[in-house]
Amino acid sequence: MSETQNSQSITVSLGAFSFVTALSGASVTLALPRMARAFDVSASLSTQVVQVGLITTVVFLVMFGHAGDVFSKRGLPSWWLGVYYGLALNWYRT
């Protein structure tokens, strides 16, 4: 894989990750009033859901960033990208 193709694939992956993270955060924020009513909690308490989601995103970002550094030295088969996006889309559909 040439350096140009590698940088393009990195840019596409980071763009997709940014989009999915923003979409997830926005959907949770929109659902907060209904979640607060369903669980009979205050609005301030329900905002902890957003905080937990952001903290989880940061933890996974660091974890997978480190894994990417480790595996990038050896290289991964190209089908792993399909597995990643397939799992991500399946998770967001549920």
Protein backbone atom coordinates (compact mmCIF):
# COMPACT_ATOMS: atom_id res chain seq x y z
CA MET A 1 0.00 0.00 0.00
CA SER A 2 1.45 3.34 -0.94
CA GLU A 3 1.82 6.19 1.51
CA THR A 4 -0.95 8.18 -0.20
CA GLN A 5 -3.43 5.31 0.04
CA ASN A 6 -2.45 4.74 3.68
CA SER A 7 -3.03 8.38 4.61
CA GLN A 8 -6.36 8.38 2.75
CA SER A 9 -7.55 5.29 4.61
CA ILE A 10 -6.52 6.83 7.93
CA THR A 11 -8.39 10.03 7.08
CA VAL A 12 -11.53 8.09 6.12
CA SER A 13 -11.38 6.00 9.30
CA LEU A 14 -10.97 9.04 11.53
CA GLY A 15 -13.76 10.85 9.72
CA ALA A 16 -16.10 7.90 10.15
CA PHE A 17 -15.22 7.63 13.83
CA SER A 18 -15.86 11.34 14.36
CA PHE A 19 -19.21 11.14 12.58
CA VAL A 20 -20.40 8.08 14.53
CA THR A 21 -19.30 9.60 17.85
CA ALA A 22 -21.13 12.85 17.13
CA LEU A 23 -24.22 10.97 16.01
CA SER A 24 -24.20 8.86 19.15
CA GLY A 25 -23.79 11.87 21.43
CA ALA A 26 -26.53 13.81 19.68
CA SER A 27 -29.02 10.95 19.83
CA VAL A 28 -28.40 10.39 23.54
CA THR A 29 -28.76 14.11 24.24
CA LEU A 30 -32.08 14.21 22.39
CA ALA A 31 -33.34 11.20 24.32
CA LEU A 32 -32.46 12.59 27.78
CA PRO A 33 -35.88 14.07 28.66
CA ARG A 34 -37.69 10.85 27.80
CA MET A 35 -35.11 8.78 29.68
CA ALA A 36 -35.47 11.01 32.75
CA ARG A 37 -39.26 10.52 32.72
CA ALA A 38 -39.01 6.77 32.12
CA PHE A 39 -36.61 6.22 35.01
CA ASP A 40 -38.21 8.88 37.20
CA VAL A 41 -34.98 10.79 37.82
CA SER A 42 -34.12 14.48 37.65
CA ALA A 43 -32.74 16.06 34.50
CA SER A 44 -29.42 16.79 36.17
CA LEU A 45 -29.02 13.15 37.13
CA SER A 46 -29.86 11.98 33.64
CA THR A 47 -27.00 14.04 32.16
CA GLN A 48 -24.62 11.54 33.73
CA VAL A 49 -25.61 9.23 30.87
CA VAL A 50 -23.90 11.61 28.45
CA GLN A 51 -20.85 11.88 30.68
CA VAL A 52 -20.52 8.10 30.95
CA GLY A 53 -20.85 7.82 27.18
CA LEU A 54 -18.10 10.37 26.60
CA ILE A 55 -15.80 8.75 29.14
CA THR A 56 -16.38 5.36 27.52
CA THR A 57 -15.61 6.84 24.10
CA VAL A 58 -12.34 8.30 25.38
CA VAL A 59 -11.30 5.00 27.01
CA PHE A 60 -11.98 3.05 23.82
CA LEU A 61 -10.25 5.71 21.73
CA VAL A 62 -7.07 5.35 23.78
CA MET A 63 -7.32 1.54 23.82
CA PHE A 64 -7.88 1.18 20.09
CA GLY A 65 -5.30 3.88 19.35
CA HIS A 66 -2.70 1.85 21.19
CA ALA A 67 -3.82 -1.32 19.45
CA GLY A 68 -3.55 0.52 16.13
CA ASP A 69 0.01 1.55 16.95
CA VAL A 70 0.93 -2.02 17.82
CA PHE A 71 -0.74 -3.63 14.81
CA SER A 72 0.32 -0.98 12.30
CA LYS A 73 3.89 -2.16 12.55
CA ARG A 74 2.84 -5.62 11.31
CA GLY A 75 -0.13 -4.61 9.19
CA LEU A 76 -3.65 -5.96 9.33
CA PRO A 77 -5.54 -7.76 6.60
CA SER A 78 -7.88 -5.43 4.73
CA TRP A 79 -10.96 -7.46 5.68
CA TRP A 80 -10.63 -6.25 9.30
CA LEU A 81 -11.93 -2.85 8.25
CA GLY A 82 -15.09 -4.51 6.91
CA VAL A 83 -15.53 -6.44 10.15
CA TYR A 84 -15.14 -3.23 12.17
CA TYR A 85 -17.68 -1.26 10.15
CA GLY A 86 -20.08 -4.20 10.02
CA LEU A 87 -20.04 -4.55 13.80
CA ALA A 88 -20.36 -0.79 14.29
CA LEU A 89 -23.37 -0.55 11.97
CA ASN A 90 -25.02 -3.59 13.54
CA TRP A 91 -24.54 -2.13 17.03
CA TYR A 92 -26.09 1.21 16.07
CA ARG A 93 -29.05 -0.50 14.41
CA THR A 94 -30.13 -2.14 17.68
